[in-house]
Amino acid sequence: MKSLAITKILNLPVLDVSSGEKTGFVKEFIFNFEKYKISGFLVQTAFLKKNVFLPAGDIENIGSDAIMIKSKKDLKNINKKIKKDLKLTRKIKILHQKVITKSGEELGKMRDFFVDDVSFFLQKIEVQGSIWKSLFKGKLLIARDQIITIGQDAIIVEDAAVPAKKIAGVEPAF
């Protein structure tokens, strides 16, 4: 099992293993907010420029240069449930969402998130903001078990997701 950054998956070509044909490009992901996982991807077909749904479970492999599927028959028409999930994913805009601790400290914005390549469950989020940029000269990774909720206006995380000295602005007593 490997960890995949969602931003690296967007815009990848989707290839049919049985024919070698490029069936389209990944345009968007559809996130299941109840299970915290990717349910699938919106793919724009190469030929008709039509959007279709690729269930995450039908993906054979994701490489750095392409997503491999058994057959273009794995691409499904978009039904009412998929439309509803897509609408919610677009409304909440999980990428670039504010990340705030339970005690009310804003950590920055989510720049990326990582899922495992088998179940597509959320593993961790990457946060970047002016505070973290100056303090750590980089990004903050927050594990799934530290995420309380992903909401319309913010992602709320446990205070423990951040070193104690940074939350309260006080050095720890050790």
Protein backbone atom coordinates (compact mmCIF):
# COMPACT_ATOMS: atom_id res chain seq x y z
CA MET A 1 0.00 0.00 0.00
CA LYS A 2 1.34 3.40 -0.93
CA SER A 3 0.22 6.91 -0.12
CA LEU A 4 -1.06 9.07 -2.99
CA ALA A 5 -1.24 12.87 -3.06
CA ILE A 6 -4.57 13.90 -4.55
CA THR A 7 -3.07 16.87 -6.42
CA LYS A 8 -0.72 14.48 -8.24
CA ILE A 9 -3.70 12.42 -9.47
CA LEU A 10 -5.65 15.34 -10.94
CA ASN A 11 -5.11 15.74 -14.70
CA LEU A 12 -3.48 12.31 -15.10
CA PRO A 13 -4.49 10.41 -18.23
CA VAL A 14 -6.62 7.29 -17.75
CA LEU A 15 -5.43 4.33 -19.82
CA ASP A 16 -7.31 1.16 -20.76
CA VAL A 17 -4.95 -1.76 -20.06
CA SER A 18 -6.79 -4.10 -22.46
CA SER A 19 -6.42 -1.80 -25.48
CA GLY A 20 -3.70 0.69 -24.55
CA GLU A 21 -6.16 3.45 -25.39
CA LYS A 22 -6.21 6.74 -23.51
CA THR A 23 -9.82 7.02 -22.34
CA GLY A 24 -9.58 10.50 -20.82
CA PHE A 25 -8.14 12.68 -18.06
CA VAL A 26 -8.96 12.95 -14.36
CA LYS A 27 -10.70 16.29 -13.85
CA GLU A 28 -12.03 16.08 -10.29
CA PHE A 29 -12.26 13.76 -7.32
CA ILE A 30 -15.46 12.84 -5.51
CA PHE A 31 -15.03 12.71 -1.74
CA ASN A 32 -17.24 10.70 0.61
CA PHE A 33 -17.51 12.96 3.69
CA GLU A 34 -19.11 10.23 5.83
CA LYS A 35 -16.29 7.73 5.30
CA TYR A 36 -13.43 10.20 4.63
CA LYS A 37 -12.44 8.52 1.40
CA ILE A 38 -12.35 9.09 -2.33
CA SER A 39 -15.31 7.31 -3.91
CA GLY A 40 -14.11 7.97 -7.43
CA PHE A 41 -13.03 10.45 -10.05
CA LEU A 42 -14.71 12.56 -12.68
CA VAL A 43 -13.01 11.75 -15.97
CA GLN A 44 -13.33 13.81 -19.13
CA THR A 45 -13.31 11.37 -22.03
CA ALA A 46 -10.69 11.86 -24.72
CA PHE A 47 -13.05 11.43 -27.66
CA LEU A 48 -16.34 13.17 -26.85
CA LYS A 49 -15.14 15.47 -24.03
CA LYS A 50 -17.95 13.96 -21.94
CA ASN A 51 -17.65 13.61 -18.17
CA VAL A 52 -17.94 10.07 -16.78
CA PHE A 53 -17.40 8.51 -13.36
CA LEU A 54 -14.49 6.21 -12.54
CA PRO A 55 -15.17 4.34 -9.26
CA ALA A 56 -12.03 4.20 -7.11
CA GLY A 57 -12.50 0.43 -6.76
CA ASP A 58 -12.16 -0.05 -10.52
CA ILE A 59 -8.67 1.43 -10.69
CA GLU A 60 -5.98 -1.16 -11.41
CA ASN A 61 -3.02 1.05 -10.58
CA ILE A 62 -1.99 4.68 -10.25
CA GLY A 63 1.48 5.56 -11.44
CA SER A 64 3.26 8.86 -11.61
CA ASP A 65 2.23 9.28 -15.27
CA ALA A 66 -1.15 7.55 -15.65
CA ILE A 67 -4.11 5.82 -14.05
CA MET A 68 -4.61 2.29 -15.34
CA ILE A 69 -8.03 0.65 -15.65
CA LYS A 70 -8.93 -2.84 -16.95
CA SER A 71 -11.27 -1.55 -19.62
CA LYS A 72 -13.07 1.60 -20.67
CA LYS A 73 -16.20 -0.26 -19.55
CA ASP A 74 -15.09 0.66 -16.00
CA LEU A 75 -16.12 4.24 -16.77
CA LYS A 76 -19.73 4.79 -15.67
CA ASN A 77 -22.39 7.31 -16.55
CA ILE A 78 -23.02 9.87 -13.85
CA ASN A 79 -26.14 8.93 -11.88
CA LYS A 80 -28.11 10.94 -9.28
CA LYS A 81 -26.03 9.73 -6.32
CA ILE A 82 -22.77 10.63 -8.03
CA LYS A 83 -24.19 14.05 -8.98
CA LYS A 84 -25.18 14.63 -5.35
CA ASP A 85 -21.72 13.62 -4.04
CA LEU A 86 -20.00 15.73 -6.71
CA LYS A 87 -22.15 18.74 -5.81
CA LEU A 88 -21.21 18.37 -2.12
CA THR A 89 -17.49 17.96 -2.97
CA ARG A 90 -17.61 21.12 -5.08
CA LYS A 91 -19.53 23.04 -2.39
CA ILE A 92 -17.17 22.19 0.45
CA LYS A 93 -13.99 22.62 -1.62
CA ILE A 94 -11.84 20.43 0.58
CA LEU A 95 -8.61 21.64 -1.02
CA HIS A 96 -7.62 25.11 0.24
CA GLN A 97 -9.99 24.78 3.20
CA LYS A 98 -8.96 26.53 6.45
CA VAL A 99 -7.53 24.20 9.09
CA ILE A 100 -8.27 25.21 12.68
CA THR A 101 -7.47 23.48 15.97
CA LYS A 102 -10.17 22.57 18.47
CA SER A 103 -8.94 25.45 20.65
CA GLY A 104 -9.47 27.93 17.81
CA GLU A 105 -5.96 28.44 16.38
CA GLU A 106 -5.84 28.72 12.60
CA LEU A 107 -3.00 26.61 11.23
CA GLY A 108 -3.29 27.58 7.58
CA LYS A 109 -4.98 26.01 4.58
CA MET A 110 -5.01 22.45 3.36
CA ARG A 111 -2.83 22.30 0.25
CA ASP A 112 -3.09 18.58 -0.40
CA PHE A 113 -4.32 15.35 1.12
CA PHE A 114 -3.13 11.80 0.88
CA VAL A 115 -5.11 8.58 0.41
CA ASP A 116 -3.95 4.97 0.32
CA ASP A 117 -3.93 3.40 -3.13
CA VAL A 118 -6.06 0.39 -2.16
CA SER A 119 -9.05 1.69 -0.18
CA PHE A 120 -8.65 5.40 -1.03
CA PHE A 121 -9.25 6.32 2.62
CA LEU A 122 -7.84 9.64 3.79
CA GLN A 123 -4.48 9.14 5.53
CA LYS A 124 -3.28 12.67 6.23
CA ILE A 125 -3.62 16.28 5.17
CA GLU A 126 -0.92 18.76 4.29
CA VAL A 127 -1.31 22.23 5.76
CA GLN A 128 0.60 25.30 4.73
CA GLY A 129 0.17 28.81 5.99
CA SER A 130 2.08 31.92 6.89
CA ILE A 131 2.47 30.83 10.54
CA TRP A 132 3.86 27.41 9.66
CA LYS A 133 5.96 28.75 6.85
CA SER A 134 7.80 31.07 9.22
CA LEU A 135 8.00 28.63 12.17
CA PHE A 136 8.84 25.37 10.42
CA LYS A 137 9.97 26.49 6.96
CA GLY A 138 7.72 23.89 5.45
CA LYS A 139 4.46 22.06 5.66
CA LEU A 140 2.55 20.48 8.49
CA LEU A 141 1.20 16.94 7.99
CA ILE A 142 -1.80 15.99 10.11
CA ALA A 143 -2.82 12.34 10.41
CA ARG A 144 -6.42 11.24 9.85
CA ASP A 145 -6.92 10.33 13.51
CA GLN A 146 -6.24 13.97 14.46
CA ILE A 147 -9.03 15.30 12.20
CA ILE A 148 -12.27 15.96 14.06
CA THR A 149 -14.36 17.08 11.10
CA ILE A 150 -14.20 18.33 7.55
CA GLY A 151 -16.87 21.00 7.25
CA GLN A 152 -18.08 23.58 4.78
CA ASP A 153 -16.10 26.43 6.36
CA ALA A 154 -13.17 24.69 8.07
CA ILE A 155 -11.36 21.48 8.86
CA ILE A 156 -11.19 21.08 12.64
CA VAL A 157 -8.25 19.15 14.10
CA GLU A 158 -7.20 18.09 17.57
CA ASP A 159 -4.87 20.42 19.44
CA ALA A 160 -2.49 17.46 19.75
CA ALA A 161 -1.98 17.61 15.97
CA VAL A 162 0.40 20.52 16.62
CA PRO A 163 3.37 20.69 18.99
CA ALA A 164 2.21 22.12 22.35
CA LYS A 165 4.71 24.98 22.36
CA LYS A 166 3.27 26.28 19.09
CA ILE A 167 -0.40 26.20 20.19
CA ALA A 168 -0.04 28.19 23.38
CA GLY A 169 3.09 30.07 22.38
CA VAL A 170 4.84 28.65 25.48
CA GLU A 171 7.80 26.32 25.59
CA PRO A 172 7.01 22.88 27.05
CA ALA A 173 8.34 22.15 30.55
CA PHE A 174 10.89 19.43 29.68
